[in-house]
Amino acid sequence: MKVMGETHVGICGAHQGGRKMCWLIRRYGYFWPTMMKDCINYSKGCEACQRHGPIQQAPSVPMNPVVKPWPFRGWAMDLIGKIYPASSQQHCFIIVATDYFTKWVDAKPIKTTTSQEIITFIEEQIIQKFSIPESITTDRGSSFISRDMLDMAETFKFKLLQSTPYYAQANGHAESSNKVVINIIRKMLEKKPKQWHEKLSETLWAYRTSKREATGMTPYALTYGHDAILPMEIAVQSLRIAHQHGLTGEDYSQAMLLELEELDASRIDTLNKLLAGKQAVSRAYNKRVRNKSFEEGEIVWKIILPLGAHIAGYGKWSPTWEGPFVIN
């Protein structure tokens, strides 16, 4: 015990793990049959090692992916910002909403993140364009969980769901859309970074007319039943445009009806792709799951929140965990 103590916490001790302790002790000529097991247990029992130990990144519960079976039934919302530099109109934030099914993205530059700004966006960009959704998922920002937001959800009878502060992937659709929007704007801006608010509509147009890997289609086509007519098709007439110009009124009506039938088929195919994709992601994620269970009477440590918080007097050297505590 004395040899292990000196190796682990002595003058030359570095609070090493059990295997390194065992290697070092053997290197200096000591040996006993159970030394590996003893060193591992000694290291695990060190209170300082536990108090400053890393946070385990392995998930403790399986993933339960969200799949909305039809367009515009569920939306994910998030805020980008605070943005520097602000736009020439003093916009500092972008509110972004993503439909779970079609991957349609809508966004708006805003100056403040008040609840009224969020409510106006939901009314104008979601409800008035695509009808009342079944649910809207956000993080737990104060603008999203205010009394006014809860009242709005009650008025329109949709569910207002929140992801947890330390589990951002629960609102993964919003996080993913944010990255794409930021990346496209960054590439469009060269000499006038304060004009980013003027590029937002072009960014959304580019996003909506680009194929999304999860669906195999563009958000525009999944929403309207056909691909958008792009400027290049007008500059250099495409086969599609040439064909449409030659249609009679009756032919055009038949083509529109056929398009509607194909849209339903495309949406069913998209749903199958989304389900298959979610299942594949879940299988990969769930391989990393390490189940955790606690019983009354056990001694446990608790993560100090918020993560990275500094305790008075310790600053940079603050511990990661507090305790130990007994479960009652």
C-alpha atoms as a PDB file:
ATOM      1  CA  MET A   1       0.000   0.000   0.000  1.00  0.00           C
ATOM      2  CA  LYS A   2       2.847   2.380   0.870  1.00  0.00           C
ATOM      3  CA  VAL A   3       4.558   1.729  -2.483  1.00  0.00           C
ATOM      4  CA  MET A   4       1.325   2.402  -4.374  1.00  0.00           C
ATOM      5  CA  GLY A   5       0.668   5.551  -2.345  1.00  0.00           C
ATOM      6  CA  GLU A   6       4.119   6.960  -3.041  1.00  0.00           C
ATOM      7  CA  THR A   7       3.808   6.108  -6.745  1.00  0.00           C
ATOM      8  CA  HIS A   8       0.380   7.704  -7.073  1.00  0.00           C
ATOM      9  CA  VAL A   9       0.413  10.771  -4.783  1.00  0.00           C
ATOM     10  CA  GLY A  10       3.995  11.019  -3.532  1.00  0.00           C
ATOM     11  CA  ILE A  11       6.622  13.602  -4.449  1.00  0.00           C
ATOM     12  CA  CYS A  12       7.090  11.985  -7.854  1.00  0.00           C
ATOM     13  CA  GLY A  13       3.500  10.847  -8.149  1.00  0.00           C
ATOM     14  CA  ALA A  14       1.412  12.207 -11.019  1.00  0.00           C
ATOM     15  CA  HIS A  15      -1.957  10.664 -10.126  1.00  0.00           C
ATOM     16  CA  GLN A  16      -1.408   8.140 -12.892  1.00  0.00           C
ATOM     17  CA  GLY A  17      -3.887   5.460 -13.858  1.00  0.00           C
ATOM     18  CA  GLY A  18      -3.627   1.951 -12.432  1.00  0.00           C
ATOM     19  CA  ARG A  19      -1.850   0.374 -15.408  1.00  0.00           C
ATOM     20  CA  LYS A  20       0.850   3.056 -15.497  1.00  0.00           C
ATOM     21  CA  MET A  21       1.289   2.725 -11.732  1.00  0.00           C
ATOM     22  CA  CYS A  22       1.775  -1.022 -12.100  1.00  0.00           C
ATOM     23  CA  TRP A  23       4.320  -0.537 -14.892  1.00  0.00           C
ATOM     24  CA  LEU A  24       6.297   2.002 -12.838  1.00  0.00           C
ATOM     25  CA  ILE A  25       6.311  -0.130  -9.689  1.00  0.00           C
ATOM     26  CA  ARG A  26       7.536  -3.180 -11.611  1.00  0.00           C
ATOM     27  CA  ARG A  27      10.194  -1.069 -13.332  1.00  0.00           C
ATOM     28  CA  TYR A  28      11.674  -0.284  -9.926  1.00  0.00           C
ATOM     29  CA  GLY A  29      11.852  -3.929  -8.915  1.00  0.00           C
ATOM     30  CA  TYR A  30       8.670  -4.535  -6.911  1.00  0.00           C
ATOM     31  CA  PHE A  31       6.240  -7.350  -7.600  1.00  0.00           C
ATOM     32  CA  TRP A  32       3.331  -9.222  -6.037  1.00  0.00           C
ATOM     33  CA  PRO A  33       0.738 -11.436  -7.760  1.00  0.00           C
ATOM     34  CA  THR A  34      -2.236  -9.055  -7.566  1.00  0.00           C
ATOM     35  CA  MET A  35      -0.371  -5.812  -8.204  1.00  0.00           C
ATOM     36  CA  MET A  36      -2.255  -4.906 -11.438  1.00  0.00           C
ATOM     37  CA  LYS A  37      -5.656  -5.300  -9.778  1.00  0.00           C
ATOM     38  CA  ASP A  38      -4.484  -3.495  -6.651  1.00  0.00           C
ATOM     39  CA  CYS A  39      -3.034  -0.568  -8.622  1.00  0.00           C
ATOM     40  CA  ILE A  40      -6.226  -0.153 -10.661  1.00  0.00           C
ATOM     41  CA  ASN A  41      -8.391  -0.215  -7.529  1.00  0.00           C
ATOM     42  CA  TYR A  42      -6.085   2.246  -5.752  1.00  0.00           C
ATOM     43  CA  SER A  43      -6.203   4.654  -8.681  1.00  0.00           C
ATOM     44  CA  LYS A  44      -9.992   4.416  -8.949  1.00  0.00           C
ATOM     45  CA  GLY A  45     -10.325   5.127  -5.228  1.00  0.00           C
ATOM     46  CA  CYS A  46      -8.288   8.343  -5.314  1.00  0.00           C
ATOM     47  CA  GLU A  47     -10.632  11.198  -4.350  1.00  0.00           C
ATOM     48  CA  ALA A  48      -8.581  13.859  -6.153  1.00  0.00           C
ATOM     49  CA  CYS A  49      -8.643  11.824  -9.379  1.00  0.00           C
ATOM     50  CA  GLN A  50     -12.397  11.475  -9.091  1.00  0.00           C
ATOM     51  CA  ARG A  51     -12.957  15.141  -8.295  1.00  0.00           C
ATOM     52  CA  HIS A  52     -10.931  16.313 -11.304  1.00  0.00           C
ATOM     53  CA  GLY A  53     -11.734  13.423 -13.631  1.00  0.00           C
ATOM     54  CA  PRO A  54     -12.985  14.025 -17.189  1.00  0.00           C
ATOM     55  CA  ILE A  55     -16.665  13.933 -18.047  1.00  0.00           C
ATOM     56  CA  GLN A  56     -17.597  10.680 -19.736  1.00  0.00           C
ATOM     57  CA  GLN A  57     -18.643  11.353 -23.325  1.00  0.00           C
ATOM     58  CA  ALA A  58     -20.304   7.985 -23.899  1.00  0.00           C
ATOM     59  CA  PRO A  59     -24.103   8.444 -24.046  1.00  0.00           C
ATOM     60  CA  SER A  60     -26.085   6.855 -21.241  1.00  0.00           C
ATOM     61  CA  VAL A  61     -29.405   6.437 -23.060  1.00  0.00           C
ATOM     62  CA  PRO A  62     -30.228   5.211 -26.584  1.00  0.00           C
ATOM     63  CA  MET A  63     -31.075   7.701 -29.308  1.00  0.00           C
ATOM     64  CA  ASN A  64     -34.746   8.192 -30.095  1.00  0.00           C
ATOM     65  CA  PRO A  65     -34.753   9.988 -33.471  1.00  0.00           C
ATOM     66  CA  VAL A  66     -37.572  12.351 -34.428  1.00  0.00           C
ATOM     67  CA  VAL A  67     -39.301  11.601 -37.737  1.00  0.00           C
ATOM     68  CA  LYS A  68     -42.249  13.721 -38.800  1.00  0.00           C
ATOM     69  CA  PRO A  69     -44.251  11.736 -41.386  1.00  0.00           C
ATOM     70  CA  TRP A  70     -45.530  14.682 -43.437  1.00  0.00           C
ATOM     71  CA  PRO A  71     -44.430  18.193 -44.470  1.00  0.00           C
ATOM     72  CA  PHE A  72     -44.588  21.083 -42.010  1.00  0.00           C
ATOM     73  CA  ARG A  73     -45.896  19.088 -39.051  1.00  0.00           C
ATOM     74  CA  GLY A  74     -42.782  19.721 -36.987  1.00  0.00           C
ATOM     75  CA  TRP A  75     -40.230  22.532 -37.024  1.00  0.00           C
ATOM     76  CA  ALA A  76     -36.871  23.051 -35.323  1.00  0.00           C
ATOM     77  CA  MET A  77     -35.972  26.634 -34.409  1.00  0.00           C
ATOM     78  CA  ASP A  78     -32.779  28.292 -33.240  1.00  0.00           C
ATOM     79  CA  LEU A  79     -30.959  31.621 -33.145  1.00  0.00           C
ATOM     80  CA  ILE A  80     -27.635  32.462 -34.784  1.00  0.00           C
ATOM     81  CA  GLY A  81     -25.718  35.186 -32.995  1.00  0.00           C
ATOM     82  CA  LYS A  82     -24.750  37.503 -31.593  1.00  0.00           C
ATOM     83  CA  ILE A  83     -23.206  38.272 -34.996  1.00  0.00           C
ATOM     84  CA  TYR A  84     -20.207  40.542 -35.417  1.00  0.00           C
ATOM     85  CA  PRO A  85     -20.033  42.680 -37.392  1.00  0.00           C
ATOM     86  CA  ALA A  86     -23.691  43.633 -37.201  1.00  0.00           C
ATOM     87  CA  SER A  87     -25.373  44.346 -40.520  1.00  0.00           C
ATOM     88  CA  SER A  88     -25.563  47.878 -41.895  1.00  0.00           C
ATOM     89  CA  GLN A  89     -29.139  47.905 -40.555  1.00  0.00           C
ATOM     90  CA  GLN A  90     -27.889  46.837 -37.093  1.00  0.00           C
ATOM     91  CA  HIS A  91     -29.154  43.266 -37.291  1.00  0.00           C
ATOM     92  CA  CYS A  92     -27.203  41.129 -34.814  1.00  0.00           C
ATOM     93  CA  PHE A  93     -29.074  37.815 -34.958  1.00  0.00           C
ATOM     94  CA  ILE A  94     -30.710  35.426 -37.410  1.00  0.00           C
ATOM     95  CA  ILE A  95     -33.696  33.327 -36.433  1.00  0.00           C
ATOM     96  CA  VAL A  96     -33.774  30.032 -38.343  1.00  0.00           C
ATOM     97  CA  ALA A  97     -36.562  27.449 -38.662  1.00  0.00           C
ATOM     98  CA  THR A  98     -36.236  24.043 -40.354  1.00  0.00           C
ATOM     99  CA  ASP A  99     -39.038  21.661 -41.308  1.00  0.00           C
ATOM    100  CA  TYR A 100     -38.221  18.131 -40.180  1.00  0.00           C
ATOM    101  CA  PHE A 101     -39.662  16.438 -43.282  1.00  0.00           C
ATOM    102  CA  THR A 102     -38.850  18.562 -46.338  1.00  0.00           C
ATOM    103  CA  LYS A 103     -35.763  20.235 -44.774  1.00  0.00           C
ATOM    104  CA  TRP A 104     -37.242  23.558 -45.892  1.00  0.00           C
ATOM    105  CA  VAL A 105     -35.451  26.405 -44.122  1.00  0.00           C
ATOM    106  CA  ASP A 106     -36.782  29.873 -43.393  1.00  0.00           C
ATOM    107  CA  ALA A 107     -34.807  32.618 -41.701  1.00  0.00           C
ATOM    108  CA  LYS A 108     -34.978  36.297 -40.831  1.00  0.00           C
ATOM    109  CA  PRO A 109     -32.403  38.842 -39.627  1.00  0.00           C
ATOM    110  CA  ILE A 110     -33.412  40.489 -36.353  1.00  0.00           C
ATOM    111  CA  LYS A 111     -31.967  43.178 -34.097  1.00  0.00           C
ATOM    112  CA  THR A 112     -33.124  41.785 -30.764  1.00  0.00           C
ATOM    113  CA  THR A 113     -34.092  38.348 -29.505  1.00  0.00           C
ATOM    114  CA  THR A 114     -37.311  39.313 -27.777  1.00  0.00           C
ATOM    115  CA  SER A 115     -40.226  36.932 -27.509  1.00  0.00           C
ATOM    116  CA  GLN A 116     -42.277  39.238 -29.739  1.00  0.00           C
ATOM    117  CA  GLU A 117     -39.714  38.883 -32.542  1.00  0.00           C
ATOM    118  CA  ILE A 118     -39.954  35.095 -32.256  1.00  0.00           C
ATOM    119  CA  ILE A 119     -43.759  35.147 -32.178  1.00  0.00           C
ATOM    120  CA  THR A 120     -43.955  37.415 -35.238  1.00  0.00           C
ATOM    121  CA  PHE A 121     -41.593  35.106 -37.126  1.00  0.00           C
ATOM    122  CA  ILE A 122     -43.664  32.018 -36.278  1.00  0.00           C
ATOM    123  CA  GLU A 123     -46.881  33.719 -37.344  1.00  0.00           C
ATOM    124  CA  GLU A 124     -45.565  35.173 -40.609  1.00  0.00           C
ATOM    125  CA  GLN A 125     -43.058  32.554 -41.763  1.00  0.00           C
ATOM    126  CA  ILE A 126     -44.581  29.315 -40.468  1.00  0.00           C
ATOM    127  CA  ILE A 127     -48.285  29.568 -39.665  1.00  0.00           C
ATOM    128  CA  GLN A 128     -49.344  31.966 -42.433  1.00  0.00           C
ATOM    129  CA  LYS A 129     -47.271  30.151 -45.073  1.00  0.00           C
ATOM    130  CA  PHE A 130     -47.546  26.494 -44.104  1.00  0.00           C
ATOM    131  CA  SER A 131     -50.402  26.282 -41.556  1.00  0.00           C
ATOM    132  CA  ILE A 132     -50.282  25.547 -37.829  1.00  0.00           C
ATOM    133  CA  PRO A 133     -47.645  22.901 -37.005  1.00  0.00           C
ATOM    134  CA  GLU A 134     -47.993  20.019 -34.604  1.00  0.00           C
ATOM    135  CA  SER A 135     -44.812  20.963 -32.736  1.00  0.00           C
ATOM    136  CA  ILE A 136     -41.910  23.417 -32.657  1.00  0.00           C
ATOM    137  CA  THR A 137     -38.629  22.366 -31.017  1.00  0.00           C
ATOM    138  CA  THR A 138     -36.244  24.973 -29.593  1.00  0.00           C
ATOM    139  CA  ASP A 139     -33.480  25.232 -27.036  1.00  0.00           C
ATOM    140  CA  ARG A 140     -34.178  26.674 -23.597  1.00  0.00           C
ATOM    141  CA  GLY A 141     -33.272  30.263 -24.423  1.00  0.00           C
ATOM    142  CA  SER A 142     -35.329  32.808 -22.500  1.00  0.00           C
ATOM    143  CA  SER A 143     -36.983  34.083 -25.696  1.00  0.00           C
ATOM    144  CA  PHE A 144     -38.292  30.600 -26.502  1.00  0.00           C
ATOM    145  CA  ILE A 145     -39.672  29.675 -23.084  1.00  0.00           C
ATOM    146  CA  SER A 146     -41.246  32.984 -22.085  1.00  0.00           C
ATOM    147  CA  ARG A 147     -44.824  33.333 -20.911  1.00  0.00           C
ATOM    148  CA  ASP A 148     -45.765  34.963 -24.224  1.00  0.00           C
ATOM    149  CA  MET A 149     -44.423  31.980 -26.185  1.00  0.00           C
ATOM    150  CA  LEU A 150     -46.291  29.528 -23.983  1.00  0.00           C
ATOM    151  CA  ASP A 151     -49.480  31.548 -24.444  1.00  0.00           C
ATOM    152  CA  MET A 152     -49.024  31.498 -28.214  1.00  0.00           C
ATOM    153  CA  ALA A 153     -48.543  27.725 -28.232  1.00  0.00           C
ATOM    154  CA  GLU A 154     -51.713  27.374 -26.180  1.00  0.00           C
ATOM    155  CA  THR A 155     -53.646  29.691 -28.515  1.00  0.00           C
ATOM    156  CA  PHE A 156     -52.644  27.830 -31.682  1.00  0.00           C
ATOM    157  CA  LYS A 157     -52.650  24.399 -30.008  1.00  0.00           C
ATOM    158  CA  PHE A 158     -49.150  23.297 -30.995  1.00  0.00           C
ATOM    159  CA  LYS A 159     -46.549  21.668 -28.743  1.00  0.00           C
ATOM    160  CA  LEU A 160     -43.567  23.773 -27.738  1.00  0.00           C
ATOM    161  CA  LEU A 161     -40.703  21.334 -27.092  1.00  0.00           C
ATOM    162  CA  GLN A 162     -37.281  22.194 -25.653  1.00  0.00           C
ATOM    163  CA  SER A 163     -33.931  20.465 -25.884  1.00  0.00           C
ATOM    164  CA  THR A 164     -31.697  20.409 -22.803  1.00  0.00           C
ATOM    165  CA  PRO A 165     -28.822  22.915 -22.379  1.00  0.00           C
ATOM    166  CA  TYR A 166     -26.110  20.220 -22.375  1.00  0.00           C
ATOM    167  CA  TYR A 167     -27.572  18.032 -25.120  1.00  0.00           C
ATOM    168  CA  ALA A 168     -27.645  20.241 -28.221  1.00  0.00           C
ATOM    169  CA  GLN A 169     -28.033  17.271 -30.597  1.00  0.00           C
ATOM    170  CA  ALA A 170     -31.610  16.948 -29.375  1.00  0.00           C
ATOM    171  CA  ASN A 171     -32.241  19.949 -31.626  1.00  0.00           C
ATOM    172  CA  GLY A 172     -29.844  18.703 -34.283  1.00  0.00           C
ATOM    173  CA  HIS A 173     -31.898  19.860 -37.275  1.00  0.00           C
ATOM    174  CA  ALA A 174     -31.603  23.470 -36.176  1.00  0.00           C
ATOM    175  CA  GLU A 175     -27.878  23.164 -35.446  1.00  0.00           C
ATOM    176  CA  SER A 176     -27.268  21.610 -38.879  1.00  0.00           C
ATOM    177  CA  SER A 177     -29.243  24.303 -40.700  1.00  0.00           C
ATOM    178  CA  ASN A 178     -27.371  27.030 -38.836  1.00  0.00           C
ATOM    179  CA  LYS A 179     -24.027  25.689 -40.046  1.00  0.00           C
ATOM    180  CA  VAL A 180     -25.186  25.531 -43.670  1.00  0.00           C
ATOM    181  CA  VAL A 181     -26.687  29.038 -43.609  1.00  0.00           C
ATOM    182  CA  ILE A 182     -23.542  30.519 -42.047  1.00  0.00           C
ATOM    183  CA  ASN A 183     -21.295  28.712 -44.520  1.00  0.00           C
ATOM    184  CA  ILE A 184     -23.252  29.885 -47.578  1.00  0.00           C
ATOM    185  CA  ILE A 185     -23.374  33.505 -46.378  1.00  0.00           C
ATOM    186  CA  ARG A 186     -19.643  33.434 -45.639  1.00  0.00           C
ATOM    187  CA  LYS A 187     -18.901  32.322 -49.208  1.00  0.00           C
ATOM    188  CA  MET A 188     -21.188  34.974 -50.709  1.00  0.00           C
ATOM    189  CA  LEU A 189     -19.600  37.835 -48.761  1.00  0.00           C
ATOM    190  CA  GLU A 190     -16.279  39.158 -49.955  1.00  0.00           C
ATOM    191  CA  LYS A 191     -15.896  42.920 -49.695  1.00  0.00           C
ATOM    192  CA  LYS A 192     -19.040  43.970 -47.809  1.00  0.00           C
ATOM    193  CA  PRO A 193     -19.387  41.890 -44.618  1.00  0.00           C
ATOM    194  CA  LYS A 194     -21.984  44.278 -43.182  1.00  0.00           C
ATOM    195  CA  GLN A 195     -24.372  43.480 -46.029  1.00  0.00           C
ATOM    196  CA  TRP A 196     -24.919  39.901 -44.867  1.00  0.00           C
ATOM    197  CA  HIS A 197     -28.620  40.562 -44.214  1.00  0.00           C
ATOM    198  CA  GLU A 198     -29.070  41.296 -47.937  1.00  0.00           C
ATOM    199  CA  LYS A 199     -27.584  37.913 -48.836  1.00  0.00           C
ATOM    200  CA  LEU A 200     -29.883  35.947 -46.544  1.00  0.00           C
ATOM    201  CA  SER A 201     -32.694  35.573 -49.107  1.00  0.00           C
ATOM    202  CA  GLU A 202     -30.195  34.337 -51.719  1.00  0.00           C
ATOM    203  CA  THR A 203     -28.800  31.932 -49.151  1.00  0.00           C
ATOM    204  CA  LEU A 204     -32.251  30.481 -48.472  1.00  0.00           C
ATOM    205  CA  TRP A 205     -32.946  30.191 -52.206  1.00  0.00           C
ATOM    206  CA  ALA A 206     -29.677  28.301 -52.716  1.00  0.00           C
ATOM    207  CA  TYR A 207     -30.434  26.000 -49.784  1.00  0.00           C
ATOM    208  CA  ARG A 208     -33.996  25.234 -50.881  1.00  0.00           C
ATOM    209  CA  THR A 209     -32.960  24.394 -54.442  1.00  0.00           C
ATOM    210  CA  SER A 210     -30.084  22.115 -53.420  1.00  0.00           C
ATOM    211  CA  LYS A 211     -30.472  18.376 -52.943  1.00  0.00           C
ATOM    212  CA  ARG A 212     -30.492  17.274 -49.315  1.00  0.00           C
ATOM    213  CA  GLU A 213     -28.728  14.013 -48.608  1.00  0.00           C
ATOM    214  CA  ALA A 214     -31.328  12.804 -46.101  1.00  0.00           C
ATOM    215  CA  THR A 215     -34.248  13.073 -48.554  1.00  0.00           C
ATOM    216  CA  GLY A 216     -32.586  12.695 -51.939  1.00  0.00           C
ATOM    217  CA  MET A 217     -34.576  15.723 -53.163  1.00  0.00           C
ATOM    218  CA  THR A 218     -34.559  19.497 -52.889  1.00  0.00           C
ATOM    219  CA  PRO A 219     -36.735  21.118 -50.198  1.00  0.00           C
ATOM    220  CA  TYR A 220     -38.394  23.143 -52.966  1.00  0.00           C
ATOM    221  CA  ALA A 221     -39.444  20.029 -54.919  1.00  0.00           C
ATOM    222  CA  LEU A 222     -40.748  18.258 -51.808  1.00  0.00           C
ATOM    223  CA  THR A 223     -42.813  21.337 -50.989  1.00  0.00           C
ATOM    224  CA  TYR A 224     -44.202  22.332 -54.392  1.00  0.00           C
ATOM    225  CA  GLY A 225     -43.976  19.115 -56.389  1.00  0.00           C
ATOM    226  CA  HIS A 226     -41.493  20.320 -59.002  1.00  0.00           C
ATOM    227  CA  ASP A 227     -38.025  21.821 -59.202  1.00  0.00           C
ATOM    228  CA  ALA A 228     -37.668  25.587 -59.176  1.00  0.00           C
ATOM    229  CA  ILE A 229     -36.951  27.359 -62.458  1.00  0.00           C
ATOM    230  CA  LEU A 230     -33.414  28.665 -62.121  1.00  0.00           C
ATOM    231  CA  PRO A 231     -31.964  31.728 -63.912  1.00  0.00           C
ATOM    232  CA  MET A 232     -29.734  29.543 -66.069  1.00  0.00           C
ATOM    233  CA  GLU A 233     -32.816  27.865 -67.569  1.00  0.00           C
ATOM    234  CA  ILE A 234     -33.970  31.245 -68.850  1.00  0.00           C
ATOM    235  CA  ALA A 235     -30.566  32.401 -70.078  1.00  0.00           C
ATOM    236  CA  VAL A 236     -29.982  29.096 -71.878  1.00  0.00           C
ATOM    237  CA  GLN A 237     -33.381  27.505 -72.394  1.00  0.00           C
ATOM    238  CA  SER A 238     -33.543  24.056 -70.830  1.00  0.00           C
ATOM    239  CA  LEU A 239     -35.415  21.080 -72.272  1.00  0.00           C
ATOM    240  CA  ARG A 240     -37.999  21.405 -69.518  1.00  0.00           C
ATOM    241  CA  ILE A 241     -38.789  25.040 -70.371  1.00  0.00           C
ATOM    242  CA  ALA A 242     -38.906  24.297 -74.095  1.00  0.00           C
ATOM    243  CA  HIS A 243     -41.332  21.427 -73.471  1.00  0.00           C
ATOM    244  CA  GLN A 244     -43.617  23.581 -71.293  1.00  0.00           C
ATOM    245  CA  HIS A 245     -43.815  26.270 -73.970  1.00  0.00           C
ATOM    246  CA  GLY A 246     -45.204  23.709 -76.420  1.00  0.00           C
ATOM    247  CA  LEU A 247     -48.028  22.454 -74.173  1.00  0.00           C
ATOM    248  CA  THR A 248     -51.677  23.204 -74.855  1.00  0.00           C
ATOM    249  CA  GLY A 249     -53.975  24.194 -72.006  1.00  0.00           C
ATOM    250  CA  GLU A 250     -55.335  20.655 -71.723  1.00  0.00           C
ATOM    251  CA  ASP A 251     -51.867  19.108 -71.858  1.00  0.00           C
ATOM    252  CA  TYR A 252     -50.698  21.470 -69.158  1.00  0.00           C
ATOM    253  CA  SER A 253     -53.626  20.525 -66.906  1.00  0.00           C
ATOM    254  CA  GLN A 254     -52.840  16.827 -67.336  1.00  0.00           C
ATOM    255  CA  ALA A 255     -49.185  17.472 -66.590  1.00  0.00           C
ATOM    256  CA  MET A 256     -50.124  19.300 -63.376  1.00  0.00           C
ATOM    257  CA  LEU A 257     -52.378  16.443 -62.224  1.00  0.00           C
ATOM    258  CA  LEU A 258     -49.634  13.916 -62.938  1.00  0.00           C
ATOM    259  CA  GLU A 259     -47.206  16.082 -60.992  1.00  0.00           C
ATOM    260  CA  LEU A 260     -49.484  16.043 -57.941  1.00  0.00           C
ATOM    261  CA  GLU A 261     -49.727  12.244 -58.071  1.00  0.00           C
ATOM    262  CA  GLU A 262     -45.960  11.960 -58.339  1.00  0.00           C
ATOM    263  CA  LEU A 263     -45.539  14.340 -55.397  1.00  0.00           C
ATOM    264  CA  ASP A 264     -47.390  11.974 -53.048  1.00  0.00           C
ATOM    265  CA  ALA A 265     -45.236   9.088 -54.266  1.00  0.00           C
ATOM    266  CA  SER A 266     -42.080  11.181 -53.795  1.00  0.00           C
ATOM    267  CA  ARG A 267     -43.090  12.084 -50.251  1.00  0.00           C
ATOM    268  CA  ILE A 268     -43.733   8.453 -49.340  1.00  0.00           C
ATOM    269  CA  ASP A 269     -40.342   7.531 -50.796  1.00  0.00           C
ATOM    270  CA  THR A 270     -38.776  10.376 -48.817  1.00  0.00           C
ATOM    271  CA  LEU A 271     -40.371   9.128 -45.603  1.00  0.00           C
ATOM    272  CA  ASN A 272     -38.847   5.687 -46.187  1.00  0.00           C
ATOM    273  CA  LYS A 273     -35.436   7.278 -46.771  1.00  0.00           C
ATOM    274  CA  LEU A 274     -35.727   9.370 -43.621  1.00  0.00           C
ATOM    275  CA  LEU A 275     -36.686   6.335 -41.547  1.00  0.00           C
ATOM    276  CA  ALA A 276     -33.820   4.277 -42.970  1.00  0.00           C
ATOM    277  CA  GLY A 277     -31.353   7.113 -42.393  1.00  0.00           C
ATOM    278  CA  LYS A 278     -32.498   7.668 -38.808  1.00  0.00           C
ATOM    279  CA  GLN A 279     -32.266   3.956 -38.059  1.00  0.00           C
ATOM    280  CA  ALA A 280     -28.704   3.833 -39.400  1.00  0.00           C
ATOM    281  CA  VAL A 281     -27.682   6.825 -37.284  1.00  0.00           C
ATOM    282  CA  SER A 282     -29.366   5.321 -34.219  1.00  0.00           C
ATOM    283  CA  ARG A 283     -27.567   1.988 -34.646  1.00  0.00           C
ATOM    284  CA  ALA A 284     -24.193   3.716 -34.854  1.00  0.00           C
ATOM    285  CA  TYR A 285     -24.987   5.990 -31.890  1.00  0.00           C
ATOM    286  CA  ASN A 286     -26.403   3.232 -29.702  1.00  0.00           C
ATOM    287  CA  LYS A 287     -23.214   1.174 -30.030  1.00  0.00           C
ATOM    288  CA  ARG A 288     -21.573   3.806 -27.814  1.00  0.00           C
ATOM    289  CA  VAL A 289     -24.288   3.745 -25.141  1.00  0.00           C
ATOM    290  CA  ARG A 290     -23.127   2.804 -21.651  1.00  0.00           C
ATOM    291  CA  ASN A 291     -26.088   2.199 -19.394  1.00  0.00           C
ATOM    292  CA  LYS A 292     -25.921   3.895 -16.000  1.00  0.00           C
ATOM    293  CA  SER A 293     -28.090   2.952 -13.054  1.00  0.00           C
ATOM    294  CA  PHE A 294     -27.978   4.152  -9.470  1.00  0.00           C
ATOM    295  CA  GLU A 295     -29.464   2.676  -6.327  1.00  0.00           C
ATOM    296  CA  GLU A 296     -30.293   4.069  -2.921  1.00  0.00           C
ATOM    297  CA  GLY A 297     -27.300   4.101  -0.608  1.00  0.00           C
ATOM    298  CA  GLU A 298     -24.688   4.377  -3.364  1.00  0.00           C
ATOM    299  CA  ILE A 299     -22.040   7.097  -3.216  1.00  0.00           C
ATOM    300  CA  VAL A 300     -21.833   9.294  -6.323  1.00  0.00           C
ATOM    301  CA  TRP A 301     -20.182  12.430  -7.682  1.00  0.00           C
ATOM    302  CA  LYS A 302     -22.119  15.247  -9.363  1.00  0.00           C
ATOM    303  CA  ILE A 303     -20.937  17.367 -12.308  1.00  0.00           C
ATOM    304  CA  ILE A 304     -20.464  21.021 -11.396  1.00  0.00           C
ATOM    305  CA  LEU A 305     -22.750  23.149 -13.562  1.00  0.00           C
ATOM    306  CA  PRO A 306     -22.441  25.206 -15.615  1.00  0.00           C
ATOM    307  CA  LEU A 307     -19.643  23.278 -17.287  1.00  0.00           C
ATOM    308  CA  GLY A 308     -16.312  25.048 -16.943  1.00  0.00           C
ATOM    309  CA  ALA A 309     -17.443  27.083 -13.919  1.00  0.00           C
ATOM    310  CA  HIS A 310     -14.640  28.435 -11.750  1.00  0.00           C
ATOM    311  CA  ILE A 311     -14.869  28.066  -7.976  1.00  0.00           C
ATOM    312  CA  ALA A 312     -13.795  31.073  -5.910  1.00  0.00           C
ATOM    313  CA  GLY A 313     -10.155  30.762  -4.953  1.00  0.00           C
ATOM    314  CA  TYR A 314      -9.431  27.952  -7.430  1.00  0.00           C
ATOM    315  CA  GLY A 315      -9.983  29.652 -10.796  1.00  0.00           C
ATOM    316  CA  LYS A 316      -8.381  27.612 -13.577  1.00  0.00           C
ATOM    317  CA  TRP A 317      -7.748  24.745 -11.141  1.00  0.00           C
ATOM    318  CA  SER A 318     -11.399  24.258 -10.215  1.00  0.00           C
ATOM    319  CA  PRO A 319     -12.619  20.634 -10.000  1.00  0.00           C
ATOM    320  CA  THR A 320     -15.035  19.093 -12.490  1.00  0.00           C
ATOM    321  CA  TRP A 321     -17.081  17.164  -9.921  1.00  0.00           C
ATOM    322  CA  GLU A 322     -18.499  17.888  -6.482  1.00  0.00           C
ATOM    323  CA  GLY A 323     -19.331  15.486  -3.691  1.00  0.00           C
ATOM    324  CA  PRO A 324     -19.318  12.682  -2.903  1.00  0.00           C
ATOM    325  CA  PHE A 325     -23.040  12.351  -2.123  1.00  0.00           C
ATOM    326  CA  VAL A 326     -25.137   9.460  -0.865  1.00  0.00           C
ATOM    327  CA  ILE A 327     -28.249   8.618  -2.892  1.00  0.00           C
ATOM    328  CA  ASN A 328     -31.343   8.712  -0.682  1.00  0.00           C
END
